[in-house]
């Protein structure tokens, strides 16, 4: 096996507008919703690439108070022309989220184009995400319309870059 097989591929130029997301991000957040008690959590997000025209995305959260697992997501970021961005995410709650929006500098704004659930999943009508990176800080907000509620803030967090993906 040649050494070249283990070298990281270059970032695909189609996803270059999202290169600022690459790496592992760790921090804390707050959750709220009209139907639940507010909660605090720790979070890790990893965004990586393999040289193809997408970025891989993995997210996990744990209760800040006791470390119990809370949520996870996995999916892909994709780019189109003129700052267009797409997000495809699977949730263990039985949902698949498709989102579309724009990237401008180091900010991404997304709104769901479709949220589909399994028969046992709670009804989620819409999701919206705002992600802003400022140097080594990633801040996001996720709004949700679910179980008869209007689109309202659900999650917000500030994460620090724990490691950079040097393959960008």
N, C-alpha and C. Protein backbone atom coordinates (compact mmCIF):
# COMPACT_ATOMS: atom_id res chain seq x y z
N UNK A 1 0.85 -1.17 0.00
CA UNK A 1 0.00 0.00 0.00
C UNK A 1 0.90 1.24 0.00
N UNK A 2 0.63 2.16 -0.90
CA UNK A 2 1.45 3.36 -0.98
C UNK A 2 1.06 4.36 0.09
N UNK A 3 2.00 5.23 0.42
CA UNK A 3 1.72 6.27 1.41
C UNK A 3 0.66 7.24 0.91
N UNK A 4 0.55 7.38 -0.41
CA UNK A 4 -0.43 8.30 -0.98
C UNK A 4 -1.86 7.94 -0.60
N UNK A 5 -2.14 6.67 -0.36
CA UNK A 5 -3.50 6.25 -0.01
C UNK A 5 -3.96 6.84 1.32
N UNK A 6 -3.02 7.25 2.17
CA UNK A 6 -3.37 7.77 3.49
C UNK A 6 -3.33 9.29 3.55
N UNK A 7 -2.92 9.91 2.47
CA UNK A 7 -2.90 11.37 2.46
C UNK A 7 -4.32 11.88 2.28
N UNK A 8 -4.62 12.94 2.97
CA UNK A 8 -5.95 13.52 2.88
C UNK A 8 -6.16 14.15 1.51
N UNK A 9 -7.34 13.96 0.93
CA UNK A 9 -7.62 14.60 -0.37
C UNK A 9 -7.84 16.09 -0.19
N UNK A 10 -7.68 16.84 -1.25
CA UNK A 10 -8.00 18.27 -1.16
C UNK A 10 -9.51 18.47 -1.03
N UNK A 11 -9.89 19.58 -0.46
CA UNK A 11 -11.30 19.93 -0.34
C UNK A 11 -11.89 20.12 -1.73
N UNK A 12 -13.04 19.54 -1.99
CA UNK A 12 -13.70 19.71 -3.27
C UNK A 12 -14.10 21.19 -3.42
N UNK A 13 -13.81 21.80 -4.57
CA UNK A 13 -14.09 23.24 -4.72
C UNK A 13 -15.56 23.62 -4.57
N UNK A 14 -16.48 22.69 -4.82
CA UNK A 14 -17.91 23.00 -4.69
C UNK A 14 -18.26 23.37 -3.25
N UNK A 15 -17.60 22.75 -2.26
CA UNK A 15 -17.92 23.02 -0.86
C UNK A 15 -16.96 24.01 -0.20
N UNK A 16 -16.09 24.61 -0.97
CA UNK A 16 -15.15 25.60 -0.42
C UNK A 16 -15.85 26.73 0.34
N UNK A 17 -17.05 27.19 -0.07
CA UNK A 17 -17.72 28.24 0.72
C UNK A 17 -18.04 27.83 2.16
N UNK A 18 -18.04 26.52 2.45
CA UNK A 18 -18.34 26.03 3.80
C UNK A 18 -17.09 25.57 4.56
N UNK A 19 -15.92 25.83 4.03
CA UNK A 19 -14.67 25.35 4.65
C UNK A 19 -14.53 25.84 6.09
N UNK A 20 -15.11 26.98 6.42
CA UNK A 20 -15.01 27.52 7.78
C UNK A 20 -15.67 26.61 8.81
N UNK A 21 -16.53 25.68 8.39
CA UNK A 21 -17.19 24.75 9.31
C UNK A 21 -16.32 23.54 9.65
N UNK A 22 -15.29 23.26 8.87
CA UNK A 22 -14.49 22.05 9.06
C UNK A 22 -13.83 22.01 10.43
N UNK A 23 -13.84 20.84 11.03
CA UNK A 23 -13.19 20.63 12.32
C UNK A 23 -14.14 20.06 13.34
N UNK A 24 -13.67 19.98 14.57
CA UNK A 24 -14.49 19.52 15.69
C UNK A 24 -14.72 20.70 16.61
N UNK A 25 -15.95 20.88 16.99
CA UNK A 25 -16.40 22.00 17.83
C UNK A 25 -17.01 21.44 19.10
N UNK A 26 -16.68 22.02 20.25
CA UNK A 26 -17.17 21.54 21.54
C UNK A 26 -17.61 22.74 22.38
N UNK A 27 -18.72 22.58 23.10
CA UNK A 27 -19.18 23.66 23.96
C UNK A 27 -20.46 23.32 24.67
N UNK A 28 -21.17 24.37 25.08
CA UNK A 28 -22.39 24.22 25.86
C UNK A 28 -23.53 24.99 25.23
N UNK A 29 -24.73 24.51 25.50
CA UNK A 29 -25.92 25.16 24.96
C UNK A 29 -27.08 25.12 25.92
N UNK A 30 -28.15 25.77 25.51
CA UNK A 30 -29.39 25.84 26.27
C UNK A 30 -30.53 25.41 25.37
N UNK A 31 -31.46 24.64 25.92
CA UNK A 31 -32.64 24.22 25.19
C UNK A 31 -33.89 24.67 25.89
N UNK A 32 -34.90 24.99 25.10
CA UNK A 32 -36.20 25.39 25.64
C UNK A 32 -37.26 25.07 24.60
N UNK A 33 -38.47 24.92 25.03
CA UNK A 33 -39.60 24.74 24.14
C UNK A 33 -40.86 24.86 24.99
N UNK A 34 -41.95 25.35 24.43
CA UNK A 34 -43.15 25.55 25.25
C UNK A 34 -43.67 24.28 25.93
N UNK A 35 -43.35 23.11 25.41
CA UNK A 35 -43.90 21.86 25.95
C UNK A 35 -42.93 21.11 26.87
N UNK A 36 -41.73 21.67 27.14
CA UNK A 36 -40.75 20.98 27.99
C UNK A 36 -40.09 21.96 28.95
N UNK A 37 -39.41 21.43 29.95
CA UNK A 37 -38.61 22.26 30.84
C UNK A 37 -37.30 22.63 30.15
N UNK A 38 -36.81 23.82 30.42
CA UNK A 38 -35.53 24.26 29.87
C UNK A 38 -34.41 23.34 30.36
N UNK A 39 -33.36 23.23 29.57
CA UNK A 39 -32.25 22.34 29.94
C UNK A 39 -30.94 22.88 29.39
N UNK A 40 -29.85 22.46 29.99
CA UNK A 40 -28.50 22.81 29.53
C UNK A 40 -27.82 21.55 29.03
N UNK A 41 -26.95 21.70 28.05
CA UNK A 41 -26.29 20.54 27.48
C UNK A 41 -24.87 20.86 27.03
N UNK A 42 -24.06 19.81 26.92
CA UNK A 42 -22.76 19.91 26.27
C UNK A 42 -22.91 19.30 24.89
N UNK A 43 -22.05 19.72 23.98
CA UNK A 43 -22.22 19.32 22.59
C UNK A 43 -20.89 19.17 21.88
N UNK A 44 -20.85 18.26 20.94
CA UNK A 44 -19.72 18.12 20.04
C UNK A 44 -20.25 18.00 18.62
N UNK A 45 -19.72 18.82 17.73
CA UNK A 45 -20.04 18.77 16.32
C UNK A 45 -18.75 18.52 15.56
N UNK A 46 -18.79 17.60 14.62
CA UNK A 46 -17.64 17.35 13.75
C UNK A 46 -18.09 17.51 12.30
N UNK A 47 -17.37 18.32 11.57
CA UNK A 47 -17.62 18.52 10.14
C UNK A 47 -16.33 18.14 9.43
N UNK A 48 -16.43 17.21 8.49
CA UNK A 48 -15.25 16.69 7.81
C UNK A 48 -15.54 16.52 6.32
N UNK A 49 -14.51 16.12 5.58
CA UNK A 49 -14.70 15.87 4.15
C UNK A 49 -13.78 14.75 3.68
N UNK A 50 -14.11 14.21 2.52
CA UNK A 50 -13.30 13.15 1.90
C UNK A 50 -12.94 13.52 0.47
N UNK A 51 -13.02 14.81 0.14
CA UNK A 51 -12.67 15.26 -1.20
C UNK A 51 -13.83 15.24 -2.19
N UNK A 52 -15.01 14.86 -1.75
CA UNK A 52 -16.20 14.81 -2.60
C UNK A 52 -16.99 16.12 -2.44
N UNK A 53 -18.02 16.35 -3.26
CA UNK A 53 -18.75 17.62 -3.20
C UNK A 53 -19.79 17.70 -2.08
N UNK A 54 -19.39 17.33 -0.88
CA UNK A 54 -20.24 17.45 0.31
C UNK A 54 -19.33 17.47 1.53
N UNK A 55 -19.86 17.95 2.64
CA UNK A 55 -19.19 17.85 3.95
C UNK A 55 -20.00 16.90 4.81
N UNK A 56 -19.34 16.03 5.55
CA UNK A 56 -20.02 15.13 6.47
C UNK A 56 -20.21 15.86 7.81
N UNK A 57 -21.34 15.60 8.45
CA UNK A 57 -21.72 16.30 9.69
C UNK A 57 -22.16 15.27 10.73
N UNK A 58 -21.62 15.37 11.93
CA UNK A 58 -22.04 14.52 13.04
C UNK A 58 -22.14 15.38 14.30
N UNK A 59 -23.22 15.22 15.05
CA UNK A 59 -23.47 16.03 16.24
C UNK A 59 -23.96 15.11 17.35
N UNK A 60 -23.49 15.38 18.59
CA UNK A 60 -23.96 14.65 19.77
C UNK A 60 -24.09 15.63 20.93
N UNK A 61 -25.09 15.39 21.78
CA UNK A 61 -25.26 16.22 22.98
C UNK A 61 -25.46 15.33 24.20
N UNK A 62 -25.10 15.90 25.37
CA UNK A 62 -25.23 15.23 26.65
C UNK A 62 -25.78 16.24 27.65
N UNK A 63 -26.53 15.75 28.64
CA UNK A 63 -27.03 16.61 29.70
C UNK A 63 -25.86 17.23 30.45
N UNK A 64 -25.90 18.54 30.64
CA UNK A 64 -24.82 19.22 31.36
C UNK A 64 -24.79 18.80 32.82
N UNK A 65 -25.94 18.50 33.38
CA UNK A 65 -26.01 18.16 34.80
C UNK A 65 -25.51 16.76 35.12
N UNK A 66 -25.76 15.77 34.23
CA UNK A 66 -25.40 14.40 34.59
C UNK A 66 -24.72 13.60 33.48
N UNK A 67 -24.48 14.22 32.33
CA UNK A 67 -23.77 13.54 31.25
C UNK A 67 -24.58 12.53 30.47
N UNK A 68 -25.88 12.42 30.73
CA UNK A 68 -26.70 11.45 30.00
C UNK A 68 -26.81 11.86 28.53
N UNK A 69 -26.80 10.91 27.61
CA UNK A 69 -26.96 11.24 26.20
C UNK A 69 -28.33 11.89 25.96
N UNK A 70 -28.36 12.94 25.16
CA UNK A 70 -29.62 13.61 24.85
C UNK A 70 -30.03 13.45 23.40
N UNK A 71 -29.14 13.76 22.48
CA UNK A 71 -29.52 13.80 21.07
C UNK A 71 -28.29 13.55 20.21
N UNK A 72 -28.53 13.19 18.98
CA UNK A 72 -27.46 13.04 17.99
C UNK A 72 -28.08 13.32 16.62
N UNK A 73 -27.25 13.77 15.70
CA UNK A 73 -27.67 13.98 14.32
C UNK A 73 -26.51 13.58 13.43
N UNK A 74 -26.82 13.15 12.25
CA UNK A 74 -25.78 12.87 11.27
C UNK A 74 -26.30 13.24 9.89
N UNK A 75 -25.41 13.76 9.07
CA UNK A 75 -25.87 14.15 7.74
C UNK A 75 -24.78 14.75 6.90
N UNK A 76 -25.22 15.61 5.97
CA UNK A 76 -24.33 16.16 4.96
C UNK A 76 -24.70 17.60 4.63
N UNK A 77 -23.67 18.42 4.45
CA UNK A 77 -23.80 19.77 3.94
C UNK A 77 -23.46 19.73 2.45
N UNK A 78 -24.24 20.42 1.64
CA UNK A 78 -23.99 20.49 0.19
C UNK A 78 -24.09 21.95 -0.25
N UNK A 79 -23.38 22.28 -1.31
CA UNK A 79 -23.42 23.64 -1.85
C UNK A 79 -23.91 23.64 -3.28
N UNK A 80 -24.57 24.72 -3.64
CA UNK A 80 -24.98 24.95 -5.01
C UNK A 80 -24.45 26.30 -5.47
N UNK A 81 -24.92 26.78 -6.58
CA UNK A 81 -24.42 28.07 -7.09
C UNK A 81 -24.93 29.25 -6.27
N UNK A 82 -24.22 30.34 -6.38
CA UNK A 82 -24.64 31.63 -5.81
C UNK A 82 -24.90 31.60 -4.31
N UNK A 83 -24.08 30.89 -3.55
CA UNK A 83 -24.23 30.85 -2.10
C UNK A 83 -25.34 29.97 -1.59
N UNK A 84 -25.92 29.15 -2.44
CA UNK A 84 -26.98 28.23 -2.03
C UNK A 84 -26.38 27.07 -1.23
N UNK A 85 -27.03 26.70 -0.12
CA UNK A 85 -26.56 25.62 0.75
C UNK A 85 -27.72 24.68 1.03
N UNK A 86 -27.40 23.39 1.14
CA UNK A 86 -28.40 22.39 1.51
C UNK A 86 -27.87 21.56 2.68
N UNK A 87 -28.78 21.12 3.52
CA UNK A 87 -28.44 20.26 4.65
C UNK A 87 -29.38 19.06 4.65
N UNK A 88 -28.81 17.87 4.77
CA UNK A 88 -29.57 16.63 4.86
C UNK A 88 -29.18 16.00 6.20
N UNK A 89 -30.17 15.80 7.10
CA UNK A 89 -29.87 15.32 8.45
C UNK A 89 -30.85 14.23 8.87
N UNK A 90 -30.31 13.17 9.45
CA UNK A 90 -31.14 12.12 10.06
C UNK A 90 -31.06 12.26 11.57
N UNK A 91 -32.20 12.17 12.22
CA UNK A 91 -32.30 12.28 13.67
C UNK A 91 -32.76 10.93 14.24
N UNK A 92 -32.23 10.50 15.39
CA UNK A 92 -32.67 9.23 15.97
C UNK A 92 -34.11 9.27 16.49
N UNK A 93 -34.69 10.45 16.54
CA UNK A 93 -36.09 10.58 16.96
C UNK A 93 -37.05 10.10 15.88
N UNK A 94 -36.50 9.69 14.73
CA UNK A 94 -37.34 9.20 13.65
C UNK A 94 -37.61 10.22 12.56
N UNK A 95 -36.83 11.31 12.54
CA UNK A 95 -37.03 12.38 11.57
C UNK A 95 -35.88 12.44 10.57
N UNK A 96 -36.22 12.86 9.37
CA UNK A 96 -35.23 13.25 8.37
C UNK A 96 -35.55 14.69 8.00
N UNK A 97 -34.52 15.52 8.06
CA UNK A 97 -34.68 16.96 7.80
C UNK A 97 -33.92 17.32 6.54
N UNK A 98 -34.60 18.01 5.63
CA UNK A 98 -33.97 18.59 4.45
C UNK A 98 -34.09 20.09 4.59
N UNK A 99 -32.95 20.77 4.50
CA UNK A 99 -32.95 22.21 4.64
C UNK A 99 -32.24 22.87 3.48
N UNK A 100 -32.63 24.11 3.20
CA UNK A 100 -31.99 24.89 2.15
C UNK A 100 -31.85 26.32 2.63
N UNK A 101 -30.81 26.98 2.15
CA UNK A 101 -30.59 28.36 2.53
C UNK A 101 -29.39 28.93 1.84
N UNK A 102 -28.71 29.84 2.55
CA UNK A 102 -27.59 30.55 1.94
C UNK A 102 -26.40 30.60 2.90
N UNK A 103 -25.23 30.73 2.29
CA UNK A 103 -24.01 31.00 3.03
C UNK A 103 -23.51 32.36 2.59
N UNK A 104 -23.15 33.18 3.57
CA UNK A 104 -22.61 34.50 3.30
C UNK A 104 -21.44 34.71 4.25
N UNK A 105 -20.23 34.74 3.71
CA UNK A 105 -19.06 34.83 4.56
C UNK A 105 -18.96 33.60 5.43
N UNK A 106 -19.04 33.79 6.76
CA UNK A 106 -18.99 32.65 7.69
C UNK A 106 -20.32 32.49 8.43
N UNK A 107 -21.41 32.78 7.74
CA UNK A 107 -22.75 32.61 8.29
C UNK A 107 -23.60 31.77 7.35
N UNK A 108 -24.38 30.87 7.93
CA UNK A 108 -25.30 30.04 7.17
C UNK A 108 -26.69 30.21 7.76
N UNK A 109 -27.67 30.43 6.88
CA UNK A 109 -29.07 30.51 7.27
C UNK A 109 -29.82 29.43 6.51
N UNK A 110 -30.54 28.57 7.23
CA UNK A 110 -31.26 27.45 6.63
C UNK A 110 -32.70 27.40 7.13
N UNK A 111 -33.59 26.96 6.27
CA UNK A 111 -34.96 26.65 6.66
C UNK A 111 -35.30 25.29 6.08
N UNK A 112 -36.06 24.51 6.81
CA UNK A 112 -36.40 23.17 6.31
C UNK A 112 -37.29 23.30 5.08
N UNK A 113 -37.00 22.44 4.11
CA UNK A 113 -37.87 22.31 2.95
C UNK A 113 -38.78 21.10 3.13
N UNK A 114 -38.35 20.19 4.02
CA UNK A 114 -39.13 19.00 4.34
C UNK A 114 -38.64 18.42 5.65
N UNK A 115 -39.57 18.02 6.50
CA UNK A 115 -39.26 17.24 7.70
C UNK A 115 -40.22 16.06 7.66
N UNK A 116 -39.65 14.88 7.55
CA UNK A 116 -40.45 13.67 7.46
C UNK A 116 -40.17 12.81 8.68
N UNK A 117 -41.20 12.21 9.23
CA UNK A 117 -41.03 11.37 10.41
C UNK A 117 -41.55 9.97 10.20
N UNK A 118 -41.00 9.06 10.98
CA UNK A 118 -41.52 7.69 10.99
C UNK A 118 -42.89 7.70 11.66
N UNK A 119 -43.66 6.63 11.55
CA UNK A 119 -44.99 6.61 12.18
C UNK A 119 -44.97 6.87 13.69
N UNK A 120 -43.89 6.50 14.38
CA UNK A 120 -43.84 6.69 15.83
C UNK A 120 -43.21 8.02 16.25
N UNK A 121 -42.71 8.81 15.31
CA UNK A 121 -42.05 10.09 15.64
C UNK A 121 -43.08 11.16 15.98
N UNK A 122 -42.71 12.06 16.89
CA UNK A 122 -43.56 13.21 17.17
C UNK A 122 -43.61 14.09 15.93
N UNK A 123 -44.69 14.81 15.77
CA UNK A 123 -44.86 15.63 14.58
C UNK A 123 -43.99 16.88 14.65
N UNK A 124 -43.10 17.05 13.69
CA UNK A 124 -42.28 18.25 13.52
C UNK A 124 -42.63 18.84 12.17
N UNK A 125 -43.11 20.08 12.18
CA UNK A 125 -43.56 20.74 10.95
C UNK A 125 -42.44 21.48 10.25
N UNK A 126 -41.53 22.11 11.03
CA UNK A 126 -40.48 22.93 10.41
C UNK A 126 -39.32 23.13 11.37
N UNK A 127 -38.14 23.32 10.79
CA UNK A 127 -36.93 23.65 11.53
C UNK A 127 -36.21 24.78 10.79
N UNK A 128 -35.54 25.63 11.53
CA UNK A 128 -34.73 26.70 10.95
C UNK A 128 -33.42 26.77 11.73
N UNK A 129 -32.32 26.96 11.02
CA UNK A 129 -31.00 27.00 11.65
C UNK A 129 -30.25 28.26 11.21
N UNK A 130 -29.55 28.85 12.17
CA UNK A 130 -28.63 29.95 11.90
C UNK A 130 -27.30 29.56 12.51
N UNK A 131 -26.25 29.53 11.71
CA UNK A 131 -24.91 29.16 12.17
C UNK A 131 -23.97 30.30 11.82
N UNK A 132 -23.21 30.77 12.81
CA UNK A 132 -22.25 31.85 12.60
C UNK A 132 -20.91 31.43 13.21
N UNK A 133 -19.86 31.56 12.42
CA UNK A 133 -18.52 31.27 12.91
C UNK A 133 -17.74 32.57 12.93
N UNK A 134 -17.13 32.84 14.09
CA UNK A 134 -16.29 34.01 14.28
C UNK A 134 -14.97 33.51 14.84
N UNK A 135 -13.98 33.33 13.97
CA UNK A 135 -12.68 32.80 14.41
C UNK A 135 -12.83 31.38 14.90
N UNK A 136 -12.58 31.17 16.18
CA UNK A 136 -12.63 29.84 16.78
C UNK A 136 -13.95 29.57 17.50
N UNK A 137 -14.94 30.44 17.32
CA UNK A 137 -16.25 30.29 17.95
C UNK A 137 -17.33 29.99 16.91
N UNK A 138 -18.13 28.97 17.17
CA UNK A 138 -19.29 28.65 16.35
C UNK A 138 -20.52 28.86 17.23
N UNK A 139 -21.41 29.72 16.77
CA UNK A 139 -22.66 29.97 17.49
C UNK A 139 -23.80 29.55 16.58
N UNK A 140 -24.80 28.91 17.17
CA UNK A 140 -25.96 28.55 16.36
C UNK A 140 -27.23 28.70 17.16
N UNK A 141 -28.31 28.76 16.39
CA UNK A 141 -29.66 28.78 16.94
C UNK A 141 -30.50 27.86 16.07
N UNK A 142 -31.30 27.05 16.71
CA UNK A 142 -32.23 26.18 16.00
C UNK A 142 -33.63 26.50 16.49
N UNK A 143 -34.50 26.84 15.56
CA UNK A 143 -35.91 27.08 15.86
C UNK A 143 -36.70 25.87 15.37
N UNK A 144 -37.82 25.59 16.05
CA UNK A 144 -38.60 24.41 15.70
C UNK A 144 -40.09 24.71 15.81
N UNK A 145 -40.85 24.14 14.87
CA UNK A 145 -42.32 24.12 14.94
C UNK A 145 -42.71 22.65 15.04
N UNK A 146 -43.24 22.25 16.19
CA UNK A 146 -43.56 20.84 16.41
C UNK A 146 -44.73 20.72 17.38
N UNK A 147 -45.33 19.56 17.38
CA UNK A 147 -46.43 19.19 18.29
C UNK A 147 -47.42 20.33 18.53
N UNK A 148 -47.83 20.97 17.43
CA UNK A 148 -48.84 22.02 17.51
C UNK A 148 -48.32 23.40 17.88
N UNK A 149 -47.03 23.57 18.05
CA UNK A 149 -46.45 24.86 18.42
C UNK A 149 -45.95 25.60 17.17
N UNK A 150 -45.91 26.92 17.24
CA UNK A 150 -45.38 27.74 16.15
C UNK A 150 -43.85 27.62 16.12
N UNK A 151 -43.24 28.11 15.06
CA UNK A 151 -41.77 28.13 14.96
C UNK A 151 -41.22 29.08 16.01
N UNK A 152 -40.54 28.52 17.01
CA UNK A 152 -39.98 29.30 18.11
C UNK A 152 -38.57 28.79 18.42
N UNK A 153 -37.75 29.60 19.12
CA UNK A 153 -36.41 29.14 19.49
C UNK A 153 -36.47 27.85 20.30
N UNK A 154 -35.58 26.92 19.97
CA UNK A 154 -35.49 25.65 20.69
C UNK A 154 -34.10 25.44 21.28
N UNK A 155 -33.06 25.63 20.48
CA UNK A 155 -31.68 25.40 20.93
C UNK A 155 -30.80 26.57 20.55
N UNK A 156 -29.80 26.84 21.40
CA UNK A 156 -28.77 27.82 21.07
C UNK A 156 -27.51 27.41 21.82
N UNK A 157 -26.38 27.58 21.16
CA UNK A 157 -25.12 27.16 21.77
C UNK A 157 -23.96 27.97 21.23
N UNK A 158 -22.90 27.97 22.00
CA UNK A 158 -21.62 28.52 21.58
C UNK A 158 -20.59 27.42 21.75
N UNK A 159 -19.91 27.09 20.66
CA UNK A 159 -18.93 26.02 20.66
C UNK A 159 -17.57 26.59 20.28
N UNK A 160 -16.52 25.98 20.79
CA UNK A 160 -15.15 26.36 20.46
C UNK A 160 -14.54 25.30 19.55
N UNK A 161 -13.71 25.74 18.63
CA UNK A 161 -13.04 24.79 17.76
C UNK A 161 -12.03 24.01 18.60
N UNK A 162 -12.24 22.69 18.69
CA UNK A 162 -11.35 21.82 19.45
C UNK A 162 -10.22 21.29 18.57
N UNK A 163 -10.52 21.11 17.29
CA UNK A 163 -9.50 20.71 16.33
C UNK A 163 -9.94 21.14 14.94
N UNK A 164 -8.98 21.44 14.13
CA UNK A 164 -9.27 21.86 12.77
C UNK A 164 -9.06 20.70 11.82
N UNK A 165 -9.85 20.64 10.79
CA UNK A 165 -9.64 19.65 9.74
C UNK A 165 -8.64 20.27 8.78
N UNK A 166 -7.43 19.82 8.81
CA UNK A 166 -6.34 20.40 8.02
C UNK A 166 -6.41 20.04 6.55
N UNK A 167 -7.43 19.30 6.17
CA UNK A 167 -7.53 18.89 4.78
C UNK A 167 -8.21 19.92 3.91
N UNK A 168 -8.66 21.04 4.49
CA UNK A 168 -9.33 22.05 3.69
C UNK A 168 -8.35 22.84 2.98
